[in-house]
Amino acid sequence: MSLASSCEEHHVADSAYASPRPISLLVSEPVDAEEDEHELDFLLQSKDEWDFDLHKLDDLTGGRPLALLAASILSDRGLLDQLNIDRDALTAFLAAAEDAYSPDESAVSFHNSLHAADVLHGVHCLLNTPALTGYFTPLEIFAALIAAAVHDVDHPGRSNNFLIKIADPLASQYNGVSVLENHHITTAFRLLEQPGCNFIAGLDMQMQEQFRQLVTRIILSTDMSKHNACRSAFASIVEQMQRIRGDKLTGDGKPCRRSSILAHPLEDPDSRASVLCYIVHCVDIGASTKPWQTLKPWVSRIFTEFFNEGDAEVEMHLQVGELNSRKVDIAQAQKGFITFVVAPLWQLWSLFVTPEQCRVQLENLRFNMEAWSGLSGSSPSSQFVEEYRLPRPHVNSFKREASLSAVVGLYPHGRQPRKVTRQQSM
């Protein structure tokens, strides 16, 4: 099967969601359902914290963290009522989207539903930053969170460069431009079109179009080839903010006077979209802003994908990518990535929201940079990958049906979802 047709493998049959899939079917059955239900409830109470234990959520949900976390975040934010979102269709869509992420950890160790849940969580946290309060519309917040959830859907575990080099059908389909990002967008909207999955049907046509355009723009901004453009657009917004705050220095080194006539950049819809793109991009490549013990398994996962791609390049007699060689010094590579890519992004973000509101991320960056410095050249990369590998639970391995209380308020007022049997795709 070609990569181009892989999204169809995840499509449900026409009648698969004729009735909505309940949120209780999004996770598998625990040994002790009541005890596990309380543990899930307790864990989700900390989802506003940057160090939220996503790996614990992955364990508790039997390898299905995305749909559960997304439903909980969207419900808690009140967006479903504000936007008249069809809860049943949203549940079906989230389940289908999680299904469309590859469960094969040997092939796709990083770009899976756990990474999608991680990005969703990070975007949720940054949107809670006090400096942003009151500027984004409910539709913009909703679109950013959905985009985060599906930004890597149906990822094959290979890079754009690799797909272009081997002339993969996906590369041809999108003319070698943002190949994977366009595929993720197409896959997400095809899932939305499945029977019972169109959760935005209650929006007017103009809002539906705004939603689609913003989701598309955000996902395209996760293409690393657009990194400089994304940062440049945001830097212009930061400069506007500095003028407004009066903390931009004049030529003689004195602060310029605060201007009362300059409009706040977040009053402009296009600037707000640029900020949302920047937020998702920062989080997407921002594992280094997490605590050291959380970071190490993520690095192991991404380099497992890199090395798998490098092995394929060797087998196909292609030039091996710089980070794909099993001889690469992972610690040195991470130091360079933090220094030249990640740190500048987050330093710019700190100027936008104030350093205090970005303190945790900046402190983690500094600590992790020092930790990588201590590890550089100390052990083979293959040893690091194996030592810090954190295997995910097999999907549905616990065969658990979790309580509806695991999703805070998704079905308020005691309304119970209808149970369905999901048909298998042919």
Protein backbone atom coordinates (compact mmCIF):
# COMPACT_ATOMS: atom_id res chain seq x y z
CA MET A 1 0.00 0.00 0.00
CA SER A 2 1.39 3.42 -0.93
CA LEU A 3 1.61 6.27 1.54
CA ALA A 4 -0.77 8.22 -0.63
CA SER A 5 -3.55 5.75 0.02
CA SER A 6 -2.74 5.16 3.67
CA CYS A 7 -5.35 7.60 4.99
CA GLU A 8 -8.08 5.50 3.39
CA GLU A 9 -7.02 2.61 5.58
CA HIS A 10 -8.13 4.64 8.59
CA HIS A 11 -11.41 5.81 7.09
CA VAL A 12 -14.48 4.30 8.65
CA ALA A 13 -17.15 2.62 6.56
CA ASP A 14 -20.06 4.84 5.55
CA SER A 15 -22.21 3.55 8.39
CA ALA A 16 -19.44 3.24 10.96
CA TYR A 17 -20.53 6.34 12.81
CA ALA A 18 -24.20 6.26 11.91
CA SER A 19 -24.57 6.51 15.68
CA PRO A 20 -21.93 8.45 17.63
CA ARG A 21 -19.07 6.66 19.30
CA PRO A 22 -19.23 7.29 23.06
CA ILE A 23 -16.27 8.83 24.81
CA SER A 24 -16.30 5.81 27.12
CA LEU A 25 -15.05 3.72 24.20
CA LEU A 26 -12.02 5.93 23.66
CA VAL A 27 -10.04 4.04 26.29
CA SER A 28 -9.74 0.42 27.26
CA GLU A 29 -10.95 -1.52 30.34
CA PRO A 30 -8.87 -1.37 33.56
CA VAL A 31 -8.33 -4.19 35.99
CA ASP A 32 -10.11 -2.07 38.59
CA ALA A 33 -12.43 0.30 36.71
CA GLU A 34 -13.46 2.41 39.70
CA GLU A 35 -9.92 2.88 40.97
CA ASP A 36 -8.63 3.74 37.50
CA GLU A 37 -11.50 6.14 36.92
CA HIS A 38 -10.51 8.11 40.02
CA GLU A 39 -6.87 8.09 38.92
CA LEU A 40 -7.83 9.50 35.53
CA ASP A 41 -9.97 12.19 37.13
CA PHE A 42 -7.13 13.14 39.47
CA LEU A 43 -4.56 13.22 36.66
CA LEU A 44 -6.70 15.38 34.37
CA GLN A 45 -7.01 17.98 37.12
CA SER A 46 -3.34 18.83 36.48
CA LYS A 47 -3.66 19.25 32.70
CA ASP A 48 -3.13 23.03 32.98
CA GLU A 49 0.41 22.43 34.29
CA TRP A 50 3.41 22.41 31.94
CA ASP A 51 4.78 19.25 33.56
CA PHE A 52 1.51 17.33 33.16
CA ASP A 53 2.29 13.59 33.19
CA LEU A 54 1.29 12.69 29.65
CA HIS A 55 3.03 9.32 29.82
CA LYS A 56 0.84 8.42 32.80
CA LEU A 57 -2.22 9.38 30.77
CA ASP A 58 -0.94 7.19 27.95
CA ASP A 59 -0.71 4.25 30.36
CA LEU A 60 -4.13 4.86 31.89
CA THR A 61 -5.82 5.08 28.51
CA GLY A 62 -4.13 2.01 27.07
CA GLY A 63 -2.26 4.04 24.46
CA ARG A 64 -5.17 6.32 23.52
CA PRO A 65 -4.40 9.66 25.22
CA LEU A 66 -5.33 12.05 22.42
CA ALA A 67 -9.11 11.77 22.18
CA LEU A 68 -9.57 11.76 25.94
CA LEU A 69 -7.32 14.77 26.55
CA ALA A 70 -8.80 16.74 23.64
CA ALA A 71 -12.35 16.13 24.83
CA SER A 72 -11.47 17.16 28.37
CA ILE A 73 -9.69 20.37 27.30
CA LEU A 74 -12.35 21.45 24.81
CA SER A 75 -15.13 20.78 27.29
CA ASP A 76 -13.44 22.54 30.20
CA ARG A 77 -12.88 25.62 28.09
CA GLY A 78 -16.61 25.86 27.38
CA LEU A 79 -15.98 25.95 23.64
CA LEU A 80 -18.55 23.28 22.79
CA ASP A 81 -21.44 25.37 24.09
CA GLN A 82 -20.05 28.68 22.86
CA LEU A 83 -19.71 27.40 19.29
CA ASN A 84 -22.65 24.99 19.21
CA ILE A 85 -20.32 22.06 18.55
CA ASP A 86 -22.00 18.68 18.06
CA ARG A 87 -20.61 16.64 20.96
CA ASP A 88 -21.40 13.27 19.44
CA ALA A 89 -19.76 14.20 16.13
CA LEU A 90 -16.74 15.62 17.97
CA THR A 91 -16.37 12.37 19.91
CA ALA A 92 -16.54 10.36 16.69
CA PHE A 93 -14.02 12.65 14.97
CA LEU A 94 -11.53 12.50 17.86
CA ALA A 95 -11.76 8.71 17.94
CA ALA A 96 -11.24 8.50 14.17
CA ALA A 97 -8.32 10.95 14.32
CA GLU A 98 -6.61 8.91 17.03
CA ASP A 99 -7.16 5.77 14.93
CA ALA A 100 -5.48 7.50 12.00
CA TYR A 101 -2.22 7.95 13.90
CA SER A 102 -0.04 4.91 13.42
CA PRO A 103 -0.04 2.52 16.42
CA ASP A 104 3.11 0.81 15.11
CA GLU A 105 5.80 2.15 17.43
CA SER A 106 8.54 0.33 15.54
CA ALA A 107 7.71 2.34 12.41
CA VAL A 108 6.42 5.61 13.87
CA SER A 109 7.95 6.04 17.30
CA PHE A 110 7.60 9.83 17.59
CA HIS A 111 4.93 11.21 15.26
CA ASN A 112 2.06 9.33 16.86
CA SER A 113 -1.01 10.14 18.94
CA LEU A 114 1.14 10.64 22.05
CA HIS A 115 3.07 13.44 20.33
CA ALA A 116 -0.22 14.91 19.09
CA ALA A 117 -1.56 14.86 22.66
CA ASP A 118 1.67 16.48 23.85
CA VAL A 119 1.35 19.33 21.34
CA LEU A 120 -2.34 19.74 22.14
CA HIS A 121 -1.51 19.99 25.84
CA GLY A 122 1.30 22.51 25.25
CA VAL A 123 -0.90 24.72 23.07
CA HIS A 124 -3.60 24.60 25.74
CA CYS A 125 -1.09 25.74 28.36
CA LEU A 126 0.28 28.62 26.27
CA LEU A 127 -3.22 29.82 25.43
CA ASN A 128 -3.73 30.16 29.19
CA THR A 129 -0.88 32.68 29.39
CA PRO A 130 -2.24 35.81 31.13
CA ALA A 131 -0.82 38.12 28.44
CA LEU A 132 -3.18 36.54 25.89
CA THR A 133 -6.35 36.74 27.95
CA GLY A 134 -9.32 38.21 26.09
CA TYR A 135 -7.77 38.54 22.64
CA PHE A 136 -8.60 35.29 20.82
CA THR A 137 -12.12 34.42 19.77
CA PRO A 138 -13.63 31.06 20.79
CA LEU A 139 -13.42 29.91 17.16
CA GLU A 140 -9.71 30.78 16.96
CA ILE A 141 -8.94 28.91 20.19
CA PHE A 142 -10.99 25.92 19.05
CA ALA A 143 -9.27 25.83 15.65
CA ALA A 144 -5.81 26.01 17.24
CA LEU A 145 -6.56 23.12 19.58
CA ILE A 146 -8.05 20.94 16.83
CA ALA A 147 -5.09 21.78 14.56
CA ALA A 148 -2.70 20.72 17.32
CA ALA A 149 -4.57 17.42 17.73
CA VAL A 150 -4.42 16.52 14.03
CA HIS A 151 -1.23 18.28 12.94
CA ASP A 152 0.62 14.96 12.30
CA VAL A 153 -2.32 12.65 11.60
CA ASP A 154 -1.42 9.59 9.47
CA HIS A 155 2.31 10.40 9.68
CA PRO A 156 4.38 7.62 8.04
CA GLY A 157 7.48 8.12 10.19
CA ARG A 158 9.47 9.55 7.29
CA SER A 159 10.45 13.15 6.52
CA ASN A 160 9.42 15.38 3.64
CA ASN A 161 12.95 15.19 2.24
CA PHE A 162 12.87 11.41 2.22
CA LEU A 163 9.49 11.25 0.48
CA ILE A 164 10.69 13.69 -2.17
CA LYS A 165 13.95 11.77 -2.70
CA ILE A 166 12.15 8.48 -3.34
CA ALA A 167 9.46 10.15 -5.48
CA ASP A 168 6.72 8.89 -3.18
CA PRO A 169 3.17 9.41 -4.52
CA LEU A 170 2.51 11.88 -1.72
CA ALA A 171 5.42 14.02 -2.90
CA SER A 172 4.01 14.00 -6.42
CA GLN A 173 0.50 14.76 -5.19
CA TYR A 174 1.64 17.91 -3.41
CA ASN A 175 4.41 18.83 -5.87
CA GLY A 176 7.09 18.47 -3.22
CA VAL A 177 5.68 21.39 -1.20
CA SER A 178 4.96 20.79 2.50
CA VAL A 179 4.19 17.21 1.54
CA LEU A 180 3.37 15.76 4.95
CA GLU A 181 1.69 18.90 6.25
CA ASN A 182 -0.67 18.97 3.26
CA HIS A 183 -1.33 15.28 3.78
CA HIS A 184 -2.20 15.81 7.44
CA ILE A 185 -4.62 18.59 6.47
CA THR A 186 -6.26 16.49 3.77
CA THR A 187 -6.57 13.49 6.07
CA ALA A 188 -8.11 15.56 8.87
CA PHE A 189 -10.73 17.13 6.63
CA ARG A 190 -11.55 13.77 5.03
CA LEU A 191 -12.21 12.43 8.52
CA LEU A 192 -14.42 15.43 9.17
CA GLU A 193 -16.48 14.48 6.09
CA GLN A 194 -17.14 10.96 7.35
CA PRO A 195 -20.74 10.25 8.38
CA GLY A 196 -21.34 11.37 11.95
CA CYS A 197 -17.99 13.19 12.29
CA ASN A 198 -18.80 16.72 11.11
CA PHE A 199 -18.71 18.51 14.45
CA ILE A 200 -18.72 22.00 12.86
CA ALA A 201 -22.04 21.52 11.06
CA GLY A 202 -23.69 23.81 13.63
CA LEU A 203 -21.50 26.75 12.60
CA ASP A 204 -22.63 29.12 9.86
CA MET A 205 -20.84 28.79 6.53
CA GLN A 206 -18.58 31.78 7.14
CA MET A 207 -17.38 30.38 10.47
CA GLN A 208 -16.86 26.95 8.95
CA GLU A 209 -14.65 28.49 6.28
CA GLN A 210 -12.73 30.50 8.89
CA PHE A 211 -12.19 27.31 10.88
CA ARG A 212 -10.88 25.42 7.85
CA GLN A 213 -8.59 28.25 6.78
CA LEU A 214 -7.09 28.66 10.25
CA VAL A 215 -6.54 24.93 10.79
CA THR A 216 -4.87 24.76 7.38
CA ARG A 217 -2.63 27.75 8.07
CA ILE A 218 -1.56 26.45 11.47
CA ILE A 219 -0.69 22.95 10.24
CA LEU A 220 1.26 24.32 7.28
CA SER A 221 3.29 26.42 9.72
CA THR A 222 4.62 23.23 11.36
CA ASP A 223 6.72 22.55 8.26
CA MET A 224 10.32 23.19 9.37
CA SER A 225 11.06 24.73 5.97
CA LYS A 226 8.75 27.57 7.09
CA HIS A 227 10.54 28.02 10.42
CA ASN A 228 12.27 31.29 9.50
CA ALA A 229 9.14 32.78 7.94
CA CYS A 230 7.07 31.85 10.99
CA ARG A 231 9.60 33.39 13.36
CA SER A 232 9.99 36.51 11.23
CA ALA A 233 6.23 37.15 11.16
CA PHE A 234 6.06 36.76 14.93
CA ALA A 235 9.12 38.99 15.47
CA SER A 236 7.27 41.81 13.70
CA ILE A 237 4.38 41.37 16.11
CA VAL A 238 6.75 41.41 19.10
CA GLU A 239 8.26 44.63 17.81
CA GLN A 240 4.80 46.19 17.70
CA MET A 241 4.21 45.06 21.26
CA GLN A 242 7.48 46.62 22.38
CA ARG A 243 6.48 49.93 20.83
CA ILE A 244 3.18 49.83 22.66
CA ARG A 245 4.81 48.94 25.98
CA GLY A 246 7.37 51.69 25.50
CA ASP A 247 10.29 49.38 26.19
CA LYS A 248 11.88 49.69 22.74
CA LEU A 249 15.03 51.80 22.94
CA THR A 250 15.56 54.87 20.78
CA GLY A 251 18.82 55.60 19.00
CA ASP A 252 20.28 57.36 22.06
CA GLY A 253 19.58 54.34 24.26
CA LYS A 254 16.57 55.88 26.03
CA PRO A 255 13.16 54.19 26.12
CA CYS A 256 10.77 55.67 23.61
CA ARG A 257 7.52 57.11 24.97
CA ARG A 258 4.55 54.78 25.19
CA SER A 259 2.31 55.39 22.19
CA SER A 260 -1.42 55.75 22.76
CA ILE A 261 -2.26 55.63 19.07
CA LEU A 262 -0.71 52.27 18.19
CA ALA A 263 -3.25 49.45 18.04
CA HIS A 264 -2.51 46.25 19.91
CA PRO A 265 -1.32 43.69 17.32
CA LEU A 266 -3.73 41.07 18.65
CA GLU A 267 -6.63 43.28 17.61
CA ASP A 268 -5.80 42.26 14.03
CA PRO A 269 -7.17 38.82 12.94
CA ASP A 270 -4.16 38.10 10.71
CA SER A 271 -1.74 38.84 13.57
CA ARG A 272 -3.73 36.59 15.88
CA ALA A 273 -3.47 33.79 13.30
CA SER A 274 0.29 34.34 13.11
CA VAL A 275 0.56 34.09 16.89
CA LEU A 276 -1.43 30.83 16.90
CA CYS A 277 0.87 29.44 14.21
CA TYR A 278 3.86 30.43 16.32
CA ILE A 279 2.42 28.82 19.44
CA VAL A 280 1.83 25.48 17.72
CA HIS A 281 5.27 25.59 16.08
CA CYS A 282 6.98 26.38 19.41
CA VAL A 283 5.27 23.48 21.14
CA ASP A 284 5.71 21.07 18.22
CA ILE A 285 9.51 21.32 18.45
CA GLY A 286 9.60 22.33 22.11
CA ALA A 287 10.25 19.05 23.93
CA SER A 288 13.44 20.67 25.27
CA THR A 289 11.28 23.01 27.36
CA LYS A 290 10.01 20.00 29.36
CA PRO A 291 11.71 18.59 32.48
CA TRP A 292 14.83 16.49 31.79
CA GLN A 293 13.24 13.17 32.71
CA THR A 294 10.32 13.92 30.39
CA LEU A 295 12.59 15.08 27.57
CA LYS A 296 14.81 12.00 27.34
CA PRO A 297 12.12 9.55 26.12
CA TRP A 298 11.03 12.08 23.48
CA VAL A 299 14.60 12.37 22.18
CA SER A 300 14.86 8.58 22.11
CA ARG A 301 11.65 8.41 20.07
CA ILE A 302 12.60 11.04 17.49
CA PHE A 303 16.06 9.59 16.94
CA THR A 304 14.56 6.13 16.54
CA GLU A 305 12.60 7.57 13.60
CA PHE A 306 15.69 9.35 12.28
CA PHE A 307 17.77 6.18 12.45
CA ASN A 308 15.03 4.11 10.77
CA GLU A 309 14.97 6.62 7.94
CA GLY A 310 18.75 6.52 7.73
CA ASP A 311 18.68 2.72 7.51
CA ALA A 312 16.21 3.00 4.65
CA GLU A 313 18.44 5.56 2.92
CA VAL A 314 21.43 3.20 3.20
CA GLU A 315 19.38 0.31 1.84
CA MET A 316 18.18 2.43 -1.11
CA HIS A 317 21.70 3.82 -1.76
CA LEU A 318 20.59 7.38 -0.97
CA GLN A 319 22.59 10.06 0.78
CA VAL A 320 21.98 9.65 4.51
CA GLY A 321 20.51 12.67 6.26
CA GLU A 322 22.77 14.44 8.73
CA LEU A 323 20.76 13.36 11.78
CA ASN A 324 19.84 9.95 10.37
CA SER A 325 23.25 8.36 10.82
CA ARG A 326 23.55 6.03 13.79
CA LYS A 327 26.98 7.56 14.38
CA VAL A 328 25.56 10.99 15.21
CA ASP A 329 26.32 12.43 18.65
CA ILE A 330 22.78 12.89 20.01
CA ALA A 331 23.85 15.16 22.85
CA GLN A 332 25.80 17.42 20.51
CA ALA A 333 22.92 17.46 18.04
CA GLN A 334 20.48 18.45 20.80
CA LYS A 335 22.79 21.22 21.99
CA GLY A 336 22.85 22.65 18.48
CA PHE A 337 19.08 22.29 18.08
CA ILE A 338 18.45 24.13 21.34
CA THR A 339 21.02 26.85 20.65
CA PHE A 340 20.06 27.70 17.09
CA VAL A 341 16.38 26.70 16.84
CA VAL A 342 14.48 26.14 20.07
CA ALA A 343 15.98 28.74 22.42
CA PRO A 344 15.57 31.67 19.98
CA LEU A 345 11.91 30.73 19.50
CA TRP A 346 11.15 30.69 23.21
CA GLN A 347 13.25 33.76 23.97
CA LEU A 348 11.17 35.66 21.44
CA TRP A 349 8.01 34.24 22.99
CA SER A 350 9.18 35.47 26.41
CA LEU A 351 9.51 39.00 25.02
CA PHE A 352 5.92 38.78 23.83
CA VAL A 353 4.34 37.50 27.05
CA THR A 354 7.05 38.72 29.50
CA PRO A 355 9.87 36.46 30.78
CA GLU A 356 8.05 35.69 34.03
CA GLN A 357 5.17 34.10 32.11
CA CYS A 358 7.70 31.91 30.27
CA ARG A 359 9.93 31.19 33.27
CA VAL A 360 9.33 27.44 33.51
CA GLN A 361 10.14 26.80 29.86
CA LEU A 362 13.28 28.95 29.90
CA GLU A 363 14.55 27.31 33.09
CA ASN A 364 14.02 23.85 31.60
CA LEU A 365 15.88 24.91 28.47
CA ARG A 366 18.87 26.06 30.52
CA PHE A 367 18.92 22.91 32.62
CA ASN A 368 18.59 20.61 29.62
CA MET A 369 21.33 22.45 27.75
CA GLU A 370 23.69 21.86 30.66
CA ALA A 371 22.63 18.22 30.88
CA TRP A 372 23.36 17.65 27.19
CA SER A 373 26.75 19.32 27.61
CA GLY A 374 27.58 16.77 30.28
CA LEU A 375 26.56 13.86 28.04
CA SER A 376 28.22 14.95 24.81
CA GLY A 377 30.46 12.17 23.53
CA SER A 378 29.89 10.04 26.63
CA SER A 379 28.04 7.10 25.06
CA PRO A 380 27.03 5.77 21.63
CA SER A 381 23.78 7.14 20.25
CA SER A 382 22.29 3.67 19.96
CA GLN A 383 22.89 3.14 23.68
CA PHE A 384 21.12 6.40 24.53
CA VAL A 385 18.12 5.51 22.36
CA GLU A 386 17.73 2.13 24.02
CA GLU A 387 18.44 3.33 27.56
CA TYR A 388 15.75 6.02 27.51
CA ARG A 389 13.20 4.22 25.38
CA LEU A 390 9.79 4.33 27.06
CA PRO A 391 7.54 1.82 25.29
CA ARG A 392 3.90 2.77 24.92
CA PRO A 393 1.14 0.42 26.04
CA HIS A 394 -0.50 -1.58 23.29
CA VAL A 395 -3.68 0.09 22.12
CA ASN A 396 -6.67 -1.52 23.84
CA SER A 397 -4.31 -3.95 25.60
CA PHE A 398 -6.26 -3.56 28.83
CA LYS A 399 -9.58 -3.92 27.01
CA ARG A 400 -10.99 -1.24 29.20
CA GLU A 401 -14.17 0.81 29.02
CA ALA A 402 -13.52 3.91 31.08
CA SER A 403 -16.14 5.90 32.91
CA LEU A 404 -17.65 8.99 31.34
CA SER A 405 -16.40 10.94 34.34
CA ALA A 406 -12.91 10.73 32.82
CA VAL A 407 -14.02 13.44 30.41
CA VAL A 408 -15.01 16.43 32.47
CA GLY A 409 -18.32 17.81 31.28
CA LEU A 410 -18.31 16.42 27.74
CA TYR A 411 -21.81 15.09 28.34
CA PRO A 412 -23.20 17.52 30.90
CA HIS A 413 -26.50 17.27 32.77
CA GLY A 414 -26.32 13.49 32.89
CA ARG A 415 -26.89 13.02 29.15
CA GLN A 416 -25.63 9.58 28.20
CA PRO A 417 -24.12 8.81 24.78
CA ARG A 418 -25.45 5.97 22.68
CA LYS A 419 -23.28 2.90 22.38
CA VAL A 420 -22.35 1.66 18.94
CA THR A 421 -20.33 -1.09 17.33
CA ARG A 422 -17.64 0.35 15.10
CA GLN A 423 -17.33 -1.40 11.76
CA GLN A 424 -13.90 -2.34 10.50
CA SER A 425 -12.61 -0.76 7.30
CA MET A 426 -12.11 -3.15 4.44
